[in-house]
Amino acid sequence: MRSVTAKRPMPRTASIPLLLTLMTAVAAAAQPATAAAPGPTATARPPELTAAPPVVHPGETLTLTGRGFAPGAGFALLVRADGRTTRIGAARTGQRGSFVATIRVRTHAAAARFVVLACRNACRIQASARFRIAAP
């Protein structure tokens, strides 16, 4: 398994208040990929991103799970709120094109709704999930 962490902390002057801290992004268990047999019934599914639990409180952790990306793909993790987008880290998928990232919500985070994105190639390849920070 490969572990990736944010290399530098976000400055306190970020456009979205510093609400989230990327703890780790871990590629899913490295197992040999199995190729699907080509044929007329094979369809490409878009990448998926889930956020669990969908509602978190300040100080709790949020788990992001990405699936359906290309194996070994690197991408940015972004959070969007109120029309502003801020990069919170980066991750790389394992051999099966999936990853798990754990994010800790800062203890001073205000209640709000967010969209988290996993983006690649200037966000031409992306997946998104919604979550909410509840009032303490």
Protein backbone atom coordinates (compact mmCIF):
# COMPACT_ATOMS: atom_id res chain seq x y z
CA MET A 1 0.00 0.00 0.00
CA ARG A 2 1.21 3.47 -0.81
CA SER A 3 0.68 6.42 1.50
CA VAL A 4 0.57 10.04 0.40
CA THR A 5 0.30 13.04 2.69
CA ALA A 6 -0.09 16.74 2.07
CA LYS A 7 3.40 18.21 1.73
CA ARG A 8 2.70 21.67 3.09
CA PRO A 9 -0.03 23.07 5.30
CA MET A 10 -2.53 25.45 3.73
CA PRO A 11 -1.88 29.12 4.61
CA ARG A 12 -4.33 30.71 7.01
CA THR A 13 -5.27 33.18 4.27
CA ALA A 14 -6.86 30.50 2.03
CA SER A 15 -10.07 31.53 0.28
CA ILE A 16 -12.07 28.96 2.25
CA PRO A 17 -11.35 29.13 5.97
CA LEU A 18 -9.00 26.35 6.99
CA LEU A 19 -11.66 23.80 7.89
CA LEU A 20 -10.15 20.52 6.80
CA THR A 21 -6.78 18.88 7.19
CA LEU A 22 -5.82 16.06 4.86
CA MET A 23 -4.40 13.34 7.06
CA THR A 24 -3.53 10.57 4.61
CA ALA A 25 -4.44 9.28 1.21
CA VAL A 26 -3.82 5.58 0.89
CA ALA A 27 -4.04 3.63 -2.34
CA ALA A 28 -6.41 0.69 -2.06
CA ALA A 29 -4.92 -2.78 -1.58
CA ALA A 30 -2.51 -3.46 -4.41
CA GLN A 31 -3.81 -6.50 -6.23
CA PRO A 32 -3.34 -7.43 -9.86
CA ALA A 33 -5.89 -5.70 -12.04
CA THR A 34 -8.10 -7.94 -14.12
CA ALA A 35 -8.95 -6.71 -17.57
CA ALA A 36 -12.54 -6.94 -18.73
CA ALA A 37 -13.08 -8.81 -21.94
CA PRO A 38 -13.69 -6.33 -24.75
CA GLY A 39 -17.07 -6.54 -26.35
CA PRO A 40 -20.23 -4.64 -27.13
CA THR A 41 -21.55 -4.96 -23.55
CA ALA A 42 -18.44 -3.48 -21.86
CA THR A 43 -19.14 0.10 -20.76
CA ALA A 44 -16.77 2.52 -19.07
CA ARG A 45 -18.10 3.81 -15.77
CA PRO A 46 -17.14 7.29 -14.64
CA PRO A 47 -14.97 7.64 -11.52
CA GLU A 48 -16.86 7.74 -8.20
CA LEU A 49 -16.13 9.52 -4.93
CA THR A 50 -17.97 8.93 -1.66
CA ALA A 51 -17.74 10.84 1.63
CA ALA A 52 -18.59 9.03 4.85
CA PRO A 53 -20.22 9.90 7.06
CA PRO A 54 -22.18 12.50 5.09
CA VAL A 55 -22.50 14.68 8.22
CA VAL A 56 -19.50 15.36 10.49
CA HIS A 57 -18.92 17.56 13.53
CA PRO A 58 -15.84 19.69 14.21
CA GLY A 59 -12.95 17.48 15.35
CA GLU A 60 -14.29 14.34 13.63
CA THR A 61 -12.87 12.60 10.59
CA LEU A 62 -14.32 12.22 7.11
CA THR A 63 -13.32 9.29 4.90
CA LEU A 64 -13.18 9.80 1.14
CA THR A 65 -13.22 6.70 -1.07
CA GLY A 66 -12.48 7.01 -4.77
CA ARG A 67 -13.10 4.27 -7.35
CA GLY A 68 -12.94 3.95 -11.10
CA PHE A 69 -9.88 6.09 -11.76
CA ALA A 70 -6.96 4.91 -13.88
CA PRO A 71 -4.41 2.78 -11.95
CA GLY A 72 -1.54 4.87 -10.57
CA ALA A 73 -3.32 8.16 -11.34
CA GLY A 74 -2.37 11.21 -9.31
CA PHE A 75 -4.95 13.91 -8.68
CA ALA A 76 -5.81 16.89 -6.50
CA LEU A 77 -8.32 16.80 -3.66
CA LEU A 78 -10.34 20.01 -3.57
CA VAL A 79 -13.16 21.33 -1.42
CA ARG A 80 -15.78 23.74 -2.73
CA ALA A 81 -18.15 25.98 -0.75
CA ASP A 82 -19.85 29.30 -1.48
CA GLY A 83 -18.46 29.36 -5.03
CA ARG A 84 -14.84 29.08 -3.84
CA THR A 85 -12.57 26.08 -4.36
CA THR A 86 -9.50 25.26 -2.24
CA ARG A 87 -6.98 22.47 -2.68
CA ILE A 88 -6.71 20.36 0.48
CA GLY A 89 -4.24 17.73 -0.71
CA ALA A 90 -3.33 15.16 -3.33
CA ALA A 91 -3.60 11.41 -3.71
CA ARG A 92 -2.57 8.59 -6.04
CA THR A 93 -4.60 5.50 -6.86
CA GLY A 94 -3.41 1.92 -6.52
CA GLN A 95 -3.36 -0.78 -9.16
CA ARG A 96 -7.16 -1.05 -9.13
CA GLY A 97 -7.70 2.68 -9.62
CA SER A 98 -9.02 3.35 -6.12
CA PHE A 99 -7.92 5.22 -2.99
CA VAL A 100 -8.97 6.08 0.55
CA ALA A 101 -8.23 9.48 2.11
CA THR A 102 -8.96 10.47 5.71
CA ILE A 103 -9.69 14.10 6.50
CA ARG A 104 -9.96 15.62 9.97
CA VAL A 105 -12.39 18.51 10.34
CA ARG A 106 -10.81 21.34 12.33
CA THR A 107 -12.25 21.92 15.80
CA HIS A 108 -13.12 25.57 14.95
CA ALA A 109 -14.96 24.70 11.70
CA ALA A 110 -18.28 26.44 11.20
CA ALA A 111 -21.37 24.55 10.10
CA ALA A 112 -21.65 24.49 6.29
CA ARG A 113 -22.28 22.30 3.23
CA PHE A 114 -19.35 21.29 1.01
CA VAL A 115 -18.53 19.47 -2.21
CA VAL A 116 -15.25 17.59 -2.27
CA LEU A 117 -13.63 16.86 -5.64
CA ALA A 118 -10.96 14.47 -6.87
CA CYS A 119 -9.61 16.16 -10.04
CA ARG A 120 -7.14 15.19 -12.75
CA ASN A 121 -6.11 16.94 -15.99
CA ALA A 122 -7.44 20.39 -15.03
CA CYS A 123 -10.59 18.68 -13.70
CA ARG A 124 -11.51 17.17 -17.06
CA ILE A 125 -11.50 13.87 -15.15
CA GLN A 126 -13.23 14.26 -11.81
CA ALA A 127 -15.53 12.77 -9.23
CA SER A 128 -17.36 14.59 -6.46
CA ALA A 129 -19.21 13.94 -3.22
CA ARG A 130 -21.17 16.12 -0.82
CA PHE A 131 -20.82 16.37 2.94
CA ARG A 132 -21.91 18.71 5.69
CA ILE A 133 -20.21 20.00 8.81
CA ALA A 134 -22.84 20.15 11.54
CA ALA A 135 -22.93 22.70 14.33
CA PRO A 136 -20.92 21.60 17.39
